Amino acid sequence: MDQQLEICNCEVIHGEVVSKVKSQLPEKDTLRQLADLYKVFSDFTRVQILWALELNELCVCDLASLLNMTVSAISHQLKALRVANLVKTRRDGKIIYYSLSDDHVKSILLTGFEHVNE
C-alpha cells in the first residue's frame, strides 16, 4: 500500500499577516519550555497534588494519605513538580511542607478547570 504525504503546494496568500505573526512569535526555546511546562500537567497524580496544594500546604506523608498512594510515589511526582518550579518547600524541623510556587500555578490550574467545565 503506497501512502502519499500530503503537502500544501500553495503560495502565501496573506503575506503581511504571515510576516506580522512570524515577527511576534516567541523564540523556539521559549515555546519548548512552555510545552515542557504543560507536559508536567499531563499526569493525573501531579494534577491532584497541585490541586491539593492549592488548597493547603502539605507534607509528603499527608499527600500520600490523601491520595491513597505510597510516600515513594508522591515523592517521585513532587520531584517532577519541583524541577518544573511549580512547587516550593518549607522546612519545619524534620518535616518538609510543599506548596504552590506562586500565583501563576494557581492561575493555570483554575483556568484549566474552568475550561474543562465549560
C-alpha atoms as a PDB file:
ATOM      1  CA  MET A   1       0.000   0.000   0.000  1.00  0.00           C
ATOM      2  CA  ASP A   2       1.598   3.243  -1.147  1.00  0.00           C
ATOM      3  CA  GLN A   3       0.808   6.197   1.080  1.00  0.00           C
ATOM      4  CA  GLN A   4       1.430   9.690  -0.163  1.00  0.00           C
ATOM      5  CA  LEU A   5       2.350  12.511   2.151  1.00  0.00           C
ATOM      6  CA  GLU A   6       0.019  15.440   1.672  1.00  0.00           C
ATOM      7  CA  ILE A   7       1.943  18.675   1.339  1.00  0.00           C
ATOM      8  CA  CYS A   8       0.471  22.094   0.785  1.00  0.00           C
ATOM      9  CA  ASN A   9       1.803  23.424  -2.506  1.00  0.00           C
ATOM     10  CA  CYS A  10       0.138  26.814  -2.319  1.00  0.00           C
ATOM     11  CA  GLU A  11       1.811  30.189  -2.167  1.00  0.00           C
ATOM     12  CA  VAL A  12       1.386  32.509   0.790  1.00  0.00           C
ATOM     13  CA  ILE A  13      -1.938  34.248   0.345  1.00  0.00           C
ATOM     14  CA  HIS A  14      -1.735  36.791   3.159  1.00  0.00           C
ATOM     15  CA  GLY A  15       1.956  37.672   3.223  1.00  0.00           C
ATOM     16  CA  GLU A  16       1.573  40.682   5.515  1.00  0.00           C
ATOM     17  CA  VAL A  17      -0.312  38.647   8.087  1.00  0.00           C
ATOM     18  CA  VAL A  18       2.241  35.829   7.967  1.00  0.00           C
ATOM     19  CA  SER A  19       5.119  38.310   8.368  1.00  0.00           C
ATOM     20  CA  LYS A  20       3.395  40.044  11.280  1.00  0.00           C
ATOM     21  CA  VAL A  21       2.664  36.771  13.093  1.00  0.00           C
ATOM     22  CA  LYS A  22       6.175  35.470  12.418  1.00  0.00           C
ATOM     23  CA  SER A  23       7.711  38.599  13.950  1.00  0.00           C
ATOM     24  CA  GLN A  24       5.561  38.210  17.067  1.00  0.00           C
ATOM     25  CA  LEU A  25       6.193  34.517  17.733  1.00  0.00           C
ATOM     26  CA  PRO A  26       8.275  33.841  20.849  1.00  0.00           C
ATOM     27  CA  GLU A  27      11.679  32.207  20.464  1.00  0.00           C
ATOM     28  CA  LYS A  28      11.510  28.463  19.788  1.00  0.00           C
ATOM     29  CA  ASP A  29      13.357  27.719  23.033  1.00  0.00           C
ATOM     30  CA  THR A  30      10.698  29.628  24.979  1.00  0.00           C
ATOM     31  CA  LEU A  31       7.922  27.703  23.239  1.00  0.00           C
ATOM     32  CA  ARG A  32       9.717  24.419  24.025  1.00  0.00           C
ATOM     33  CA  GLN A  33       9.871  25.422  27.688  1.00  0.00           C
ATOM     34  CA  LEU A  34       6.150  26.177  27.589  1.00  0.00           C
ATOM     35  CA  ALA A  35       5.455  22.769  26.039  1.00  0.00           C
ATOM     36  CA  ASP A  36       7.562  21.135  28.768  1.00  0.00           C
ATOM     37  CA  LEU A  37       5.564  23.004  31.414  1.00  0.00           C
ATOM     38  CA  TYR A  38       2.300  21.691  30.015  1.00  0.00           C
ATOM     39  CA  LYS A  39       3.726  18.154  29.912  1.00  0.00           C
ATOM     40  CA  VAL A  40       4.014  18.296  33.700  1.00  0.00           C
ATOM     41  CA  PHE A  41       0.267  18.936  33.850  1.00  0.00           C
ATOM     42  CA  SER A  42      -0.423  15.843  31.724  1.00  0.00           C
ATOM     43  CA  ASP A  43      -0.093  13.490  34.705  1.00  0.00           C
ATOM     44  CA  PHE A  44      -3.255  12.847  36.747  1.00  0.00           C
ATOM     45  CA  THR A  45      -1.380  12.337  40.025  1.00  0.00           C
ATOM     46  CA  ARG A  46       0.573  15.571  39.617  1.00  0.00           C
ATOM     47  CA  VAL A  47      -2.638  17.489  38.917  1.00  0.00           C
ATOM     48  CA  GLN A  48      -4.184  16.019  42.079  1.00  0.00           C
ATOM     49  CA  ILE A  49      -1.117  17.053  44.075  1.00  0.00           C
ATOM     50  CA  LEU A  50      -1.194  20.570  42.645  1.00  0.00           C
ATOM     51  CA  TRP A  51      -4.896  20.920  43.385  1.00  0.00           C
ATOM     52  CA  ALA A  52      -4.398  19.742  46.971  1.00  0.00           C
ATOM     53  CA  LEU A  53      -1.501  22.166  47.405  1.00  0.00           C
ATOM     54  CA  GLU A  54      -3.647  24.967  46.033  1.00  0.00           C
ATOM     55  CA  LEU A  55      -5.938  24.351  48.994  1.00  0.00           C
ATOM     56  CA  ASN A  56      -3.241  23.990  51.664  1.00  0.00           C
ATOM     57  CA  GLU A  57       0.457  23.283  52.105  1.00  0.00           C
ATOM     58  CA  LEU A  58       1.038  19.610  52.870  1.00  0.00           C
ATOM     59  CA  CYS A  59       3.877  17.242  53.712  1.00  0.00           C
ATOM     60  CA  VAL A  60       4.646  14.097  51.710  1.00  0.00           C
ATOM     61  CA  CYS A  61       3.009  11.795  54.275  1.00  0.00           C
ATOM     62  CA  ASP A  62      -0.222  13.788  54.263  1.00  0.00           C
ATOM     63  CA  LEU A  63      -0.279  13.875  50.453  1.00  0.00           C
ATOM     64  CA  ALA A  64       0.289  10.110  50.344  1.00  0.00           C
ATOM     65  CA  SER A  65      -2.580   9.542  52.770  1.00  0.00           C
ATOM     66  CA  LEU A  66      -4.862  11.973  50.946  1.00  0.00           C
ATOM     67  CA  LEU A  67      -4.262  10.363  47.549  1.00  0.00           C
ATOM     68  CA  ASN A  68      -4.011   6.790  48.884  1.00  0.00           C
ATOM     69  CA  MET A  69      -0.539   6.346  47.414  1.00  0.00           C
ATOM     70  CA  THR A  70       2.898   5.461  48.718  1.00  0.00           C
ATOM     71  CA  VAL A  71       5.259   8.109  50.022  1.00  0.00           C
ATOM     72  CA  SER A  72       7.724   6.992  47.349  1.00  0.00           C
ATOM     73  CA  ALA A  73       5.212   7.559  44.538  1.00  0.00           C
ATOM     74  CA  ILE A  74       4.291  11.001  45.869  1.00  0.00           C
ATOM     75  CA  SER A  75       7.950  11.938  46.315  1.00  0.00           C
ATOM     76  CA  HIS A  76       8.640  10.967  42.711  1.00  0.00           C
ATOM     77  CA  GLN A  77       5.861  13.247  41.465  1.00  0.00           C
ATOM     78  CA  LEU A  78       6.899  16.084  43.778  1.00  0.00           C
ATOM     79  CA  LYS A  79      10.390  15.936  42.309  1.00  0.00           C
ATOM     80  CA  ALA A  80       8.963  16.498  38.819  1.00  0.00           C
ATOM     81  CA  LEU A  81       6.894  19.403  40.152  1.00  0.00           C
ATOM     82  CA  ARG A  82       9.947  20.927  41.873  1.00  0.00           C
ATOM     83  CA  VAL A  83      12.070  20.618  38.724  1.00  0.00           C
ATOM     84  CA  ALA A  84       9.318  22.434  36.809  1.00  0.00           C
ATOM     85  CA  ASN A  85       9.296  25.111  39.535  1.00  0.00           C
ATOM     86  CA  LEU A  86       5.612  24.506  40.252  1.00  0.00           C
ATOM     87  CA  VAL A  87       6.009  23.737  43.954  1.00  0.00           C
ATOM     88  CA  LYS A  88       8.240  25.080  46.693  1.00  0.00           C
ATOM     89  CA  THR A  89       9.224  23.701  50.083  1.00  0.00           C
ATOM     90  CA  ARG A  90       9.326  24.922  53.657  1.00  0.00           C
ATOM     91  CA  ARG A  91      11.089  23.011  56.419  1.00  0.00           C
ATOM     92  CA  ASP A  92       9.720  22.884  59.956  1.00  0.00           C
ATOM     93  CA  GLY A  93      12.069  20.700  61.988  1.00  0.00           C
ATOM     94  CA  LYS A  94      12.198  17.340  60.250  1.00  0.00           C
ATOM     95  CA  ILE A  95       9.034  17.898  58.231  1.00  0.00           C
ATOM     96  CA  ILE A  96       9.117  19.424  54.752  1.00  0.00           C
ATOM     97  CA  TYR A  97       5.934  21.136  53.630  1.00  0.00           C
ATOM     98  CA  TYR A  98       5.056  21.654  49.978  1.00  0.00           C
ATOM     99  CA  SER A  99       3.033  24.482  48.477  1.00  0.00           C
ATOM    100  CA  LEU A 100       2.493  26.045  45.069  1.00  0.00           C
ATOM    101  CA  SER A 101       5.437  28.141  43.905  1.00  0.00           C
ATOM    102  CA  ASP A 102       3.370  31.214  43.081  1.00  0.00           C
ATOM    103  CA  ASP A 103       0.003  32.531  41.938  1.00  0.00           C
ATOM    104  CA  HIS A 104       0.786  31.652  38.303  1.00  0.00           C
ATOM    105  CA  VAL A 105       0.492  27.956  39.137  1.00  0.00           C
ATOM    106  CA  LYS A 106      -2.884  28.537  40.795  1.00  0.00           C
ATOM    107  CA  SER A 107      -3.998  30.550  37.778  1.00  0.00           C
ATOM    108  CA  ILE A 108      -3.003  27.767  35.364  1.00  0.00           C
ATOM    109  CA  LEU A 109      -4.945  25.231  37.454  1.00  0.00           C
ATOM    110  CA  LEU A 110      -8.060  27.371  37.767  1.00  0.00           C
ATOM    111  CA  THR A 111      -8.065  28.393  34.100  1.00  0.00           C
ATOM    112  CA  GLY A 112      -7.758  24.755  33.046  1.00  0.00           C
ATOM    113  CA  PHE A 113     -10.531  23.788  35.465  1.00  0.00           C
ATOM    114  CA  GLU A 114     -12.829  26.466  34.034  1.00  0.00           C
ATOM    115  CA  HIS A 115     -12.053  25.282  30.515  1.00  0.00           C
ATOM    116  CA  VAL A 116     -12.927  21.628  31.173  1.00  0.00           C
ATOM    117  CA  ASN A 117     -16.141  22.664  32.943  1.00  0.00           C
ATOM    118  CA  GLU A 118     -17.481  24.845  30.111  1.00  0.00           C
END
